[in-house]
Structure formats: C-alpha cells, structure tokens
Amino acid sequence: MKGIILAGGSGTRLYPTTLVTSKQLLPVFDKPMIYYPLSVLMLAGIRNILIITTEKDMPDFQKLLGDGERFGINLSYKTQAKPNGLAEAFIIGGDFIGKDCVTLILGDNIFFGPRFSGTLKYRSKLIEKEGGACIFSYPVKQPERFGIVEFDREDKILSIEEKPEKPKSQYAVTGLYMYDNSVVGHAKELKPSERGELEITDINNIYLKNGTLRMEKLGRGFSWLDTGTHQSLLQAGQYVQTIEENQGIKIACLEEVAFRMKYLSRTRILNNIQNIKNNDYYDYIRKLVE
C-alpha cells in the first residue's frame, strides 16, 4: 500500500494568510497541518508517500519534510497545475502508485481516535488481499453540507450523494480513501463534472456499482476535523490543544509515530533532534524515547 496526500489548491477561504503560504503548512496548534494527514498514513503502516501540491508551494514542503528520512519514511513530490478534482491525484500519481494499492488523504483533514492505527492496518490489508475500495464515514450535524453515504442495517452501502437537499443519513464521507490498483485506470476514464473537475464521488460510485466498495464508520469517541475555514482552523487548534494539555500526549507527532511503529530507533531520533533545545514539542519527544 502506498499513500498520497493531496495538498494543492489556493486556499482562498483562508485568505489573506494563504497568499504567502500553503494552507497545509499553516499551524494547527503546535505543528504544521500536513503533519496530521502524514501521521495517519504512517499509522496505517504506509512508508512510501507522495505529496501533491502546487509548483509554488513545493519548495516549502520539501524544506519542512525533506525526503522523509528523519521520520523513517520515503517522501516524493509532484505538482497539480490546477485544482482539477481529487480524482486527478491518481493520474498525477500513476507512476508512483505503479502496481500497488493506494490510500488517498486530503491535506486539510485531521483524524483522531482510539484504535485508529489498527483499523487502518486492517482495512489496508483487506484491500491488498481482496481488492476493492474503502471509504471512511463520520456522523455530522449538518449532512446537507457534505457528501453523504446511505447504507442498510448491515452497513452495506446503497448510495453516495454530494450535498443532498434531503440527506438519507447523517454520515459524511471523510477525506480518507483506500483503493486497489484499478483506481488509476478508473481515474483516467472519468469525464469532468459540471464544475470541470474529476470527482472522487464518481470513483467511489464505480466501486459501488461493482459491489466492491466498503465502509468504515468512525463514530462515538472519534474526531474528524476539516480545517478549510478560519473558524474550523481555530477550532481544530483548540481541540488539539485541549487533548494534548489534558492528557499529556501529542497528536500527530511524527517522531513519536516513527518510534512506536519501529521506523526509527531511539538513538536515531535523539540524534535527529539533539541541537533543538527549549522547545516543548522536542522536549516531549526526548522524554518519550528516553
């Protein structure tokens, strides 16, 4: 399984801040936004990851993350010239995906909850073994604002609708998707929608029609946050701050994930941060690995 983070777009809803930097490089409390989706892929056991961003912003991502070596992963980069839709990620990343399965996560989505790593690994292995696709759904208060999945009592998916006037459930499709290798071919055959984009919903509906689309429900005790507006960005930062200060943990600390997943040794992590002093984030890592 390989991973793709889609971190493009112009971030117009966050102007004027995003006039000078990518939305996915803005801080969510104590770390850059890109750390959160990157940690999700790492927790899934995915170590080969492609970041798709704009030509203007790519150097900043490379300066922040490099080739991923200091997190025990392999990072590569490609550009998306225009925001032509989420499904274009599979065309841009076709060579990177090769013959593997792939997980796509949006760069402005934050996931946090119990046993998440186990869930991700289970779904990943299932797709690698049996094929198909998996979407991750989450209950929302205003379903008419989201892509909504309809399902029966056995959680079999019946339909997916974008921003329906009369939602058939309260469960929104989040910005996390897993697919077998055929997704690349499906993406290449898509026609642009009325808004001129290659829609991820169209990809999901292909798998639904084939009877190979699965769903993982993220329910009570779990949090899914979108950081696309000033209000939601602030709320996400406050949420992360509350969890971290109350529980004494870090959310999406990449060095911690690398340590717990055994991507890097204790000695390697300490060597990487030895020259960074008087910083709460890195003091936390030292205490953790020591």
C-alpha atoms as a PDB file:
ATOM      1  CA  MET A   1       0.000   0.000   0.000  1.00  0.00           C
ATOM      2  CA  LYS A   2       1.282   3.436  -0.946  1.00  0.00           C
ATOM      3  CA  GLY A   3      -0.034   6.794   0.211  1.00  0.00           C
ATOM      4  CA  ILE A   4      -0.898  10.112  -1.401  1.00  0.00           C
ATOM      5  CA  ILE A   5      -1.523  13.408   0.371  1.00  0.00           C
ATOM      6  CA  LEU A   6      -3.351  15.953  -1.757  1.00  0.00           C
ATOM      7  CA  ALA A   7      -2.083  19.317  -0.547  1.00  0.00           C
ATOM      8  CA  GLY A   8      -2.748  21.602  -3.500  1.00  0.00           C
ATOM      9  CA  GLY A   9      -5.313  24.301  -4.109  1.00  0.00           C
ATOM     10  CA  SER A  10      -5.097  28.019  -3.494  1.00  0.00           C
ATOM     11  CA  GLY A  11      -6.771  28.114  -0.081  1.00  0.00           C
ATOM     12  CA  THR A  12      -8.910  31.106  -0.964  1.00  0.00           C
ATOM     13  CA  ARG A  13     -11.198  30.624   2.036  1.00  0.00           C
ATOM     14  CA  LEU A  14      -8.184  31.285   4.257  1.00  0.00           C
ATOM     15  CA  TYR A  15      -7.019  34.470   2.507  1.00  0.00           C
ATOM     16  CA  PRO A  16      -5.041  36.612   3.248  1.00  0.00           C
ATOM     17  CA  THR A  17      -2.919  34.090   5.183  1.00  0.00           C
ATOM     18  CA  THR A  18      -2.648  31.684   2.260  1.00  0.00           C
ATOM     19  CA  LEU A  19      -1.468  34.394  -0.109  1.00  0.00           C
ATOM     20  CA  VAL A  20       2.047  33.688   1.165  1.00  0.00           C
ATOM     21  CA  THR A  21       1.965  30.001   2.108  1.00  0.00           C
ATOM     22  CA  SER A  22       0.092  26.769   1.511  1.00  0.00           C
ATOM     23  CA  LYS A  23      -2.944  26.086   3.686  1.00  0.00           C
ATOM     24  CA  GLN A  24      -1.432  22.724   4.621  1.00  0.00           C
ATOM     25  CA  LEU A  25       1.632  24.470   6.087  1.00  0.00           C
ATOM     26  CA  LEU A  26      -0.384  26.607   8.496  1.00  0.00           C
ATOM     27  CA  PRO A  27      -0.091  25.638  12.164  1.00  0.00           C
ATOM     28  CA  VAL A  28      -2.759  23.579  13.887  1.00  0.00           C
ATOM     29  CA  PHE A  29      -1.777  24.404  17.460  1.00  0.00           C
ATOM     30  CA  ASP A  30       1.838  23.199  17.759  1.00  0.00           C
ATOM     31  CA  LYS A  31       2.645  21.652  14.396  1.00  0.00           C
ATOM     32  CA  PRO A  32       2.054  22.188  10.652  1.00  0.00           C
ATOM     33  CA  MET A  33      -1.262  20.954   9.270  1.00  0.00           C
ATOM     34  CA  ILE A  34       0.473  18.491   6.924  1.00  0.00           C
ATOM     35  CA  TYR A  35       1.736  16.542   9.955  1.00  0.00           C
ATOM     36  CA  TYR A  36      -1.798  15.317  10.718  1.00  0.00           C
ATOM     37  CA  PRO A  37      -2.591  13.501   7.448  1.00  0.00           C
ATOM     38  CA  LEU A  38       1.016  12.333   7.227  1.00  0.00           C
ATOM     39  CA  SER A  39       0.711  10.709  10.655  1.00  0.00           C
ATOM     40  CA  VAL A  40      -2.446   8.873   9.511  1.00  0.00           C
ATOM     41  CA  LEU A  41      -0.597   7.238   6.620  1.00  0.00           C
ATOM     42  CA  MET A  42       2.317   6.331   8.877  1.00  0.00           C
ATOM     43  CA  LEU A  43      -0.068   4.770  11.412  1.00  0.00           C
ATOM     44  CA  ALA A  44      -1.501   2.660   8.591  1.00  0.00           C
ATOM     45  CA  GLY A  45       1.968   1.204   8.047  1.00  0.00           C
ATOM     46  CA  ILE A  46       2.492   3.180   4.827  1.00  0.00           C
ATOM     47  CA  ARG A  47       6.061   4.365   4.307  1.00  0.00           C
ATOM     48  CA  ASN A  48       6.115   5.338   0.603  1.00  0.00           C
ATOM     49  CA  ILE A  49       4.181   8.577   0.323  1.00  0.00           C
ATOM     50  CA  LEU A  50       3.609  11.117  -2.452  1.00  0.00           C
ATOM     51  CA  ILE A  51       2.720  14.722  -1.657  1.00  0.00           C
ATOM     52  CA  ILE A  52       0.861  16.503  -4.445  1.00  0.00           C
ATOM     53  CA  THR A  53       0.958  20.277  -4.166  1.00  0.00           C
ATOM     54  CA  THR A  54       1.417  23.398  -6.284  1.00  0.00           C
ATOM     55  CA  GLU A  55       4.630  24.360  -8.034  1.00  0.00           C
ATOM     56  CA  LYS A  56       4.834  27.488  -5.873  1.00  0.00           C
ATOM     57  CA  ASP A  57       4.458  25.635  -2.585  1.00  0.00           C
ATOM     58  CA  MET A  58       6.541  22.532  -3.309  1.00  0.00           C
ATOM     59  CA  PRO A  59       9.875  24.033  -2.106  1.00  0.00           C
ATOM     60  CA  ASP A  60       8.313  24.858   1.280  1.00  0.00           C
ATOM     61  CA  PHE A  61       7.066  21.291   1.756  1.00  0.00           C
ATOM     62  CA  GLN A  62      10.454  19.941   0.770  1.00  0.00           C
ATOM     63  CA  LYS A  63      12.167  22.279   3.240  1.00  0.00           C
ATOM     64  CA  LEU A  64       9.841  21.129   6.036  1.00  0.00           C
ATOM     65  CA  LEU A  65       9.783  17.378   5.358  1.00  0.00           C
ATOM     66  CA  GLY A  66      12.687  16.628   3.039  1.00  0.00           C
ATOM     67  CA  ASP A  67      12.763  13.095   1.686  1.00  0.00           C
ATOM     68  CA  GLY A  68      11.119  11.758   4.860  1.00  0.00           C
ATOM     69  CA  GLU A  69      14.308  10.072   6.062  1.00  0.00           C
ATOM     70  CA  ARG A  70      14.178  11.682   9.521  1.00  0.00           C
ATOM     71  CA  PHE A  71      10.731  10.137  10.026  1.00  0.00           C
ATOM     72  CA  GLY A  72      11.693   6.707   8.701  1.00  0.00           C
ATOM     73  CA  ILE A  73       9.625   7.082   5.526  1.00  0.00           C
ATOM     74  CA  ASN A  74      10.146   7.835   1.827  1.00  0.00           C
ATOM     75  CA  LEU A  75       8.605  11.059   0.536  1.00  0.00           C
ATOM     76  CA  SER A  76       8.316  12.207  -3.066  1.00  0.00           C
ATOM     77  CA  TYR A  77       6.598  15.205  -4.592  1.00  0.00           C
ATOM     78  CA  LYS A  78       4.572  16.120  -7.663  1.00  0.00           C
ATOM     79  CA  THR A  79       2.600  19.180  -8.691  1.00  0.00           C
ATOM     80  CA  GLN A  80      -1.034  19.721  -9.608  1.00  0.00           C
ATOM     81  CA  ALA A  81      -1.200  22.644 -12.012  1.00  0.00           C
ATOM     82  CA  LYS A  82      -4.824  23.495 -11.203  1.00  0.00           C
ATOM     83  CA  PRO A  83      -7.394  22.132  -8.736  1.00  0.00           C
ATOM     84  CA  ASN A  84      -8.916  19.737 -11.283  1.00  0.00           C
ATOM     85  CA  GLY A  85     -10.539  17.476  -8.711  1.00  0.00           C
ATOM     86  CA  LEU A  86      -9.481  14.943  -6.101  1.00  0.00           C
ATOM     87  CA  ALA A  87      -9.516  12.025  -8.532  1.00  0.00           C
ATOM     88  CA  GLU A  88      -6.759  13.649 -10.589  1.00  0.00           C
ATOM     89  CA  ALA A  89      -4.383  12.609  -7.799  1.00  0.00           C
ATOM     90  CA  PHE A  90      -4.434   9.051  -9.191  1.00  0.00           C
ATOM     91  CA  ILE A  91      -3.479  10.272 -12.660  1.00  0.00           C
ATOM     92  CA  ILE A  92      -0.708  12.540 -11.382  1.00  0.00           C
ATOM     93  CA  GLY A  93       0.492   9.762  -9.095  1.00  0.00           C
ATOM     94  CA  GLY A  94       0.046   6.908 -11.556  1.00  0.00           C
ATOM     95  CA  ASP A  95       3.757   6.164 -11.959  1.00  0.00           C
ATOM     96  CA  PHE A  96       4.270   6.465  -8.205  1.00  0.00           C
ATOM     97  CA  ILE A  97       1.444   4.011  -7.463  1.00  0.00           C
ATOM     98  CA  GLY A  98       2.740   1.523 -10.003  1.00  0.00           C
ATOM     99  CA  LYS A  99       1.167  -1.874  -9.329  1.00  0.00           C
ATOM    100  CA  ASP A 100       0.323  -1.179  -5.681  1.00  0.00           C
ATOM    101  CA  CYS A 101      -2.852  -0.269  -3.822  1.00  0.00           C
ATOM    102  CA  VAL A 102      -3.135   3.312  -2.597  1.00  0.00           C
ATOM    103  CA  THR A 103      -4.561   5.390   0.244  1.00  0.00           C
ATOM    104  CA  LEU A 104      -5.516   8.990  -0.502  1.00  0.00           C
ATOM    105  CA  ILE A 105      -5.912  11.536   2.280  1.00  0.00           C
ATOM    106  CA  LEU A 106      -6.686  15.226   1.991  1.00  0.00           C
ATOM    107  CA  GLY A 107      -4.063  17.531   3.437  1.00  0.00           C
ATOM    108  CA  ASP A 108      -6.522  19.565   5.500  1.00  0.00           C
ATOM    109  CA  ASN A 109      -8.242  16.662   7.287  1.00  0.00           C
ATOM    110  CA  ILE A 110      -7.483  15.698  10.895  1.00  0.00           C
ATOM    111  CA  PHE A 111      -8.396  12.291  12.358  1.00  0.00           C
ATOM    112  CA  PHE A 112      -8.026  11.288  15.988  1.00  0.00           C
ATOM    113  CA  GLY A 113      -9.496   8.446  17.989  1.00  0.00           C
ATOM    114  CA  PRO A 114      -8.937   5.141  19.776  1.00  0.00           C
ATOM    115  CA  ARG A 115      -7.565   2.083  17.953  1.00  0.00           C
ATOM    116  CA  PHE A 116      -7.271   4.049  14.711  1.00  0.00           C
ATOM    117  CA  SER A 117      -3.943   2.506  13.711  1.00  0.00           C
ATOM    118  CA  GLY A 118      -5.403  -0.996  13.979  1.00  0.00           C
ATOM    119  CA  THR A 119      -8.424  -0.026  11.912  1.00  0.00           C
ATOM    120  CA  LEU A 120      -6.231   1.461   9.192  1.00  0.00           C
ATOM    121  CA  LYS A 121      -3.978  -1.580   9.039  1.00  0.00           C
ATOM    122  CA  TYR A 122      -6.938  -3.955   8.895  1.00  0.00           C
ATOM    123  CA  ARG A 123      -8.606  -2.091   6.033  1.00  0.00           C
ATOM    124  CA  SER A 124      -5.316  -1.760   4.176  1.00  0.00           C
ATOM    125  CA  LYS A 125      -4.554  -5.480   4.394  1.00  0.00           C
ATOM    126  CA  LEU A 126      -8.104  -6.358   3.350  1.00  0.00           C
ATOM    127  CA  ILE A 127      -7.860  -4.308   0.164  1.00  0.00           C
ATOM    128  CA  GLU A 128      -4.418  -5.696  -0.637  1.00  0.00           C
ATOM    129  CA  LYS A 129      -5.795  -9.217  -0.234  1.00  0.00           C
ATOM    130  CA  GLU A 130      -9.301  -8.926  -1.742  1.00  0.00           C
ATOM    131  CA  GLY A 131      -9.242  -5.726  -3.816  1.00  0.00           C
ATOM    132  CA  GLY A 132     -11.958  -3.104  -3.909  1.00  0.00           C
ATOM    133  CA  ALA A 133     -12.117   0.179  -2.024  1.00  0.00           C
ATOM    134  CA  CYS A 134     -12.969   1.579   1.394  1.00  0.00           C
ATOM    135  CA  ILE A 135     -14.391   4.927   2.424  1.00  0.00           C
ATOM    136  CA  PHE A 136     -14.409   6.255   5.974  1.00  0.00           C
ATOM    137  CA  SER A 137     -17.640   7.868   7.158  1.00  0.00           C
ATOM    138  CA  TYR A 138     -18.412  10.078  10.133  1.00  0.00           C
ATOM    139  CA  PRO A 139     -21.690  11.387  11.639  1.00  0.00           C
ATOM    140  CA  VAL A 140     -22.237  15.118  11.132  1.00  0.00           C
ATOM    141  CA  LYS A 141     -24.759  17.648  12.392  1.00  0.00           C
ATOM    142  CA  GLN A 142     -25.453  19.280   9.004  1.00  0.00           C
ATOM    143  CA  PRO A 143     -25.294  16.459   6.434  1.00  0.00           C
ATOM    144  CA  GLU A 144     -26.550  18.682   3.600  1.00  0.00           C
ATOM    145  CA  ARG A 145     -23.092  20.303   3.558  1.00  0.00           C
ATOM    146  CA  PHE A 146     -21.242  17.058   2.788  1.00  0.00           C
ATOM    147  CA  GLY A 147     -21.064  14.024   0.556  1.00  0.00           C
ATOM    148  CA  ILE A 148     -23.412  11.616   2.327  1.00  0.00           C
ATOM    149  CA  VAL A 149     -23.392   7.821   2.292  1.00  0.00           C
ATOM    150  CA  GLU A 150     -26.637   5.841   2.549  1.00  0.00           C
ATOM    151  CA  PHE A 151     -26.403   2.305   3.958  1.00  0.00           C
ATOM    152  CA  ASP A 152     -28.592  -0.506   5.264  1.00  0.00           C
ATOM    153  CA  ARG A 153     -28.652  -2.219   8.676  1.00  0.00           C
ATOM    154  CA  GLU A 154     -25.648  -4.361   7.735  1.00  0.00           C
ATOM    155  CA  ASP A 155     -23.712  -1.212   6.729  1.00  0.00           C
ATOM    156  CA  LYS A 156     -23.915  -2.182   3.060  1.00  0.00           C
ATOM    157  CA  ILE A 157     -23.586   0.992   1.008  1.00  0.00           C
ATOM    158  CA  LEU A 158     -26.659   1.887  -1.038  1.00  0.00           C
ATOM    159  CA  SER A 159     -25.744   5.302  -2.450  1.00  0.00           C
ATOM    160  CA  ILE A 160     -23.440   8.305  -2.158  1.00  0.00           C
ATOM    161  CA  GLU A 161     -24.787  11.818  -2.764  1.00  0.00           C
ATOM    162  CA  GLU A 162     -22.972  15.144  -2.846  1.00  0.00           C
ATOM    163  CA  LYS A 163     -24.586  17.798  -0.608  1.00  0.00           C
ATOM    164  CA  PRO A 164     -28.129  16.381  -0.861  1.00  0.00           C
ATOM    165  CA  GLU A 165     -31.123  18.579  -0.075  1.00  0.00           C
ATOM    166  CA  LYS A 166     -32.690  15.632   1.746  1.00  0.00           C
ATOM    167  CA  PRO A 167     -29.856  13.561   3.216  1.00  0.00           C
ATOM    168  CA  LYS A 168     -30.514   9.837   3.537  1.00  0.00           C
ATOM    169  CA  SER A 169     -28.197   9.525   6.552  1.00  0.00           C
ATOM    170  CA  GLN A 170     -26.101  11.608   8.934  1.00  0.00           C
ATOM    171  CA  TYR A 171     -22.840  10.009   7.797  1.00  0.00           C
ATOM    172  CA  ALA A 172     -20.466  12.109   5.709  1.00  0.00           C
ATOM    173  CA  VAL A 173     -17.699  10.706   3.520  1.00  0.00           C
ATOM    174  CA  THR A 174     -14.427  11.939   5.013  1.00  0.00           C
ATOM    175  CA  GLY A 175     -11.236  12.870   3.184  1.00  0.00           C
ATOM    176  CA  LEU A 176      -9.667   9.427   3.595  1.00  0.00           C
ATOM    177  CA  TYR A 177      -9.968   6.726   0.916  1.00  0.00           C
ATOM    178  CA  MET A 178      -8.350   3.348   0.207  1.00  0.00           C
ATOM    179  CA  TYR A 179      -8.321   1.717  -3.251  1.00  0.00           C
ATOM    180  CA  ASP A 180      -6.902  -1.235  -5.115  1.00  0.00           C
ATOM    181  CA  ASN A 181      -4.685  -0.635  -8.128  1.00  0.00           C
ATOM    182  CA  SER A 182      -7.553  -0.376 -10.620  1.00  0.00           C
ATOM    183  CA  VAL A 183      -8.283   3.141  -9.336  1.00  0.00           C
ATOM    184  CA  VAL A 184      -5.641   4.523 -11.695  1.00  0.00           C
ATOM    185  CA  GLY A 185      -7.448   3.188 -14.748  1.00  0.00           C
ATOM    186  CA  HIS A 186     -10.824   4.338 -13.413  1.00  0.00           C
ATOM    187  CA  ALA A 187      -9.497   7.864 -12.892  1.00  0.00           C
ATOM    188  CA  LYS A 188      -8.154   8.054 -16.444  1.00  0.00           C
ATOM    189  CA  GLU A 189     -11.599   7.171 -17.823  1.00  0.00           C
ATOM    190  CA  LEU A 190     -13.502   9.814 -15.830  1.00  0.00           C
ATOM    191  CA  LYS A 191     -15.198  12.760 -17.509  1.00  0.00           C
ATOM    192  CA  PRO A 192     -15.090  16.174 -15.788  1.00  0.00           C
ATOM    193  CA  SER A 193     -18.201  17.069 -13.809  1.00  0.00           C
ATOM    194  CA  GLU A 194     -20.318  20.168 -14.358  1.00  0.00           C
ATOM    195  CA  ARG A 195     -17.835  22.147 -12.304  1.00  0.00           C
ATOM    196  CA  GLY A 196     -14.997  20.905 -14.515  1.00  0.00           C
ATOM    197  CA  GLU A 197     -13.407  18.514 -12.009  1.00  0.00           C
ATOM    198  CA  LEU A 198     -12.631  14.812 -11.800  1.00  0.00           C
ATOM    199  CA  GLU A 199     -14.788  13.856  -8.832  1.00  0.00           C
ATOM    200  CA  ILE A 200     -13.800  11.351  -6.164  1.00  0.00           C
ATOM    201  CA  THR A 201     -17.503  10.532  -5.790  1.00  0.00           C
ATOM    202  CA  ASP A 202     -17.503   9.230  -9.362  1.00  0.00           C
ATOM    203  CA  ILE A 203     -14.601   6.921  -8.456  1.00  0.00           C
ATOM    204  CA  ASN A 204     -16.477   5.676  -5.401  1.00  0.00           C
ATOM    205  CA  ASN A 205     -19.614   5.083  -7.428  1.00  0.00           C
ATOM    206  CA  ILE A 206     -17.660   2.871  -9.855  1.00  0.00           C
ATOM    207  CA  TYR A 207     -16.633   0.636  -6.969  1.00  0.00           C
ATOM    208  CA  LEU A 208     -20.176   0.792  -5.570  1.00  0.00           C
ATOM    209  CA  LYS A 209     -21.606  -0.348  -8.899  1.00  0.00           C
ATOM    210  CA  ASN A 210     -19.076  -3.185  -8.976  1.00  0.00           C
ATOM    211  CA  GLY A 211     -20.095  -4.229  -5.467  1.00  0.00           C
ATOM    212  CA  THR A 212     -16.580  -3.744  -4.076  1.00  0.00           C
ATOM    213  CA  LEU A 213     -16.979  -0.525  -2.070  1.00  0.00           C
ATOM    214  CA  ARG A 214     -16.704  -0.979   1.699  1.00  0.00           C
ATOM    215  CA  MET A 215     -17.251   1.470   4.536  1.00  0.00           C
ATOM    216  CA  GLU A 216     -15.617   2.018   7.911  1.00  0.00           C
ATOM    217  CA  LYS A 217     -17.807   4.047  10.274  1.00  0.00           C
ATOM    218  CA  LEU A 218     -15.938   6.385  12.604  1.00  0.00           C
ATOM    219  CA  GLY A 219     -18.389   7.012  15.399  1.00  0.00           C
ATOM    220  CA  ARG A 220     -18.619   7.912  19.067  1.00  0.00           C
ATOM    221  CA  GLY A 221     -15.300   8.796  20.684  1.00  0.00           C
ATOM    222  CA  PHE A 222     -13.676   9.628  17.355  1.00  0.00           C
ATOM    223  CA  SER A 223     -12.975  13.063  15.865  1.00  0.00           C
ATOM    224  CA  TRP A 224     -12.787  14.135  12.240  1.00  0.00           C
ATOM    225  CA  LEU A 225     -11.923  17.793  11.648  1.00  0.00           C
ATOM    226  CA  ASP A 226     -11.793  19.815   8.426  1.00  0.00           C
ATOM    227  CA  THR A 227      -9.583  22.912   8.603  1.00  0.00           C
ATOM    228  CA  GLY A 228     -10.680  24.726   5.462  1.00  0.00           C
ATOM    229  CA  THR A 229     -12.030  27.929   7.048  1.00  0.00           C
ATOM    230  CA  HIS A 230     -10.739  30.389   9.640  1.00  0.00           C
ATOM    231  CA  GLN A 231     -13.325  29.155  12.131  1.00  0.00           C
ATOM    232  CA  SER A 232     -12.637  25.439  11.625  1.00  0.00           C
ATOM    233  CA  LEU A 233      -8.865  26.022  11.679  1.00  0.00           C
ATOM    234  CA  LEU A 234      -9.157  27.794  15.030  1.00  0.00           C
ATOM    235  CA  GLN A 235     -11.467  25.096  16.400  1.00  0.00           C
ATOM    236  CA  ALA A 236      -9.069  22.365  15.300  1.00  0.00           C
ATOM    237  CA  GLY A 237      -6.176  24.084  17.046  1.00  0.00           C
ATOM    238  CA  GLN A 238      -8.191  24.463  20.241  1.00  0.00           C
ATOM    239  CA  TYR A 239      -9.240  20.814  20.089  1.00  0.00           C
ATOM    240  CA  VAL A 240      -5.641  19.635  19.695  1.00  0.00           C
ATOM    241  CA  GLN A 241      -4.508  21.944  22.494  1.00  0.00           C
ATOM    242  CA  THR A 242      -7.188  20.629  24.856  1.00  0.00           C
ATOM    243  CA  ILE A 243      -6.356  16.970  24.194  1.00  0.00           C
ATOM    244  CA  GLU A 244      -2.618  17.477  24.455  1.00  0.00           C
ATOM    245  CA  GLU A 245      -2.669  19.577  27.609  1.00  0.00           C
ATOM    246  CA  ASN A 246      -5.264  17.428  29.396  1.00  0.00           C
ATOM    247  CA  GLN A 247      -3.747  14.062  28.508  1.00  0.00           C
ATOM    248  CA  GLY A 248      -0.069  14.968  28.260  1.00  0.00           C
ATOM    249  CA  ILE A 249       0.233  13.460  24.784  1.00  0.00           C
ATOM    250  CA  LYS A 250       0.885  14.789  21.297  1.00  0.00           C
ATOM    251  CA  ILE A 251      -1.425  14.282  18.333  1.00  0.00           C
ATOM    252  CA  ALA A 252       0.366  13.674  15.009  1.00  0.00           C
ATOM    253  CA  CYS A 253       3.882  13.856  16.419  1.00  0.00           C
ATOM    254  CA  LEU A 254       5.708  12.253  13.502  1.00  0.00           C
ATOM    255  CA  GLU A 255       8.773  11.330  15.529  1.00  0.00           C
ATOM    256  CA  GLU A 256       6.589   9.547  18.071  1.00  0.00           C
ATOM    257  CA  VAL A 257       4.746   7.657  15.335  1.00  0.00           C
ATOM    258  CA  ALA A 258       8.083   6.657  13.776  1.00  0.00           C
ATOM    259  CA  PHE A 259       9.300   5.437  17.186  1.00  0.00           C
ATOM    260  CA  ARG A 260       6.150   3.474  18.071  1.00  0.00           C
ATOM    261  CA  MET A 261       5.906   1.959  14.586  1.00  0.00           C
ATOM    262  CA  LYS A 262       9.605   0.994  14.837  1.00  0.00           C
ATOM    263  CA  TYR A 263      10.502   3.011  11.754  1.00  0.00           C
ATOM    264  CA  LEU A 264      13.367   4.647  13.657  1.00  0.00           C
ATOM    265  CA  SER A 265      15.452   3.661  16.659  1.00  0.00           C
ATOM    266  CA  ARG A 266      15.656   5.653  19.886  1.00  0.00           C
ATOM    267  CA  THR A 267      19.250   6.641  19.096  1.00  0.00           C
ATOM    268  CA  ARG A 268      18.387   7.823  15.590  1.00  0.00           C
ATOM    269  CA  ILE A 269      15.548  10.032  16.838  1.00  0.00           C
ATOM    270  CA  LEU A 270      17.666  11.589  19.571  1.00  0.00           C
ATOM    271  CA  ASN A 271      20.444  12.288  17.082  1.00  0.00           C
ATOM    272  CA  ASN A 272      17.966  13.998  14.754  1.00  0.00           C
ATOM    273  CA  ILE A 273      16.816  16.451  17.428  1.00  0.00           C
ATOM    274  CA  GLN A 274      19.980  16.862  19.509  1.00  0.00           C
ATOM    275  CA  ASN A 275      20.531  20.502  18.512  1.00  0.00           C
ATOM    276  CA  ILE A 276      16.950  21.662  19.170  1.00  0.00           C
ATOM    277  CA  LYS A 277      16.593  22.982  22.716  1.00  0.00           C
ATOM    278  CA  ASN A 278      13.973  24.759  24.821  1.00  0.00           C
ATOM    279  CA  ASN A 279      11.044  23.587  22.725  1.00  0.00           C
ATOM    280  CA  ASP A 280       8.014  21.793  24.191  1.00  0.00           C
ATOM    281  CA  TYR A 281       7.478  19.654  21.083  1.00  0.00           C
ATOM    282  CA  TYR A 282      11.015  18.265  21.049  1.00  0.00           C
ATOM    283  CA  ASP A 283      11.214  18.038  24.845  1.00  0.00           C
ATOM    284  CA  TYR A 284       8.174  15.751  24.628  1.00  0.00           C
ATOM    285  CA  ILE A 285       9.967  13.521  22.118  1.00  0.00           C
ATOM    286  CA  ARG A 286      13.084  13.308  24.324  1.00  0.00           C
ATOM    287  CA  LYS A 287      11.077  12.259  27.361  1.00  0.00           C
ATOM    288  CA  LEU A 288       9.179   9.724  25.269  1.00  0.00           C
ATOM    289  CA  VAL A 289      12.151   7.907  23.778  1.00  0.00           C
ATOM    290  CA  GLU A 290      14.412   8.178  26.824  1.00  0.00           C
END
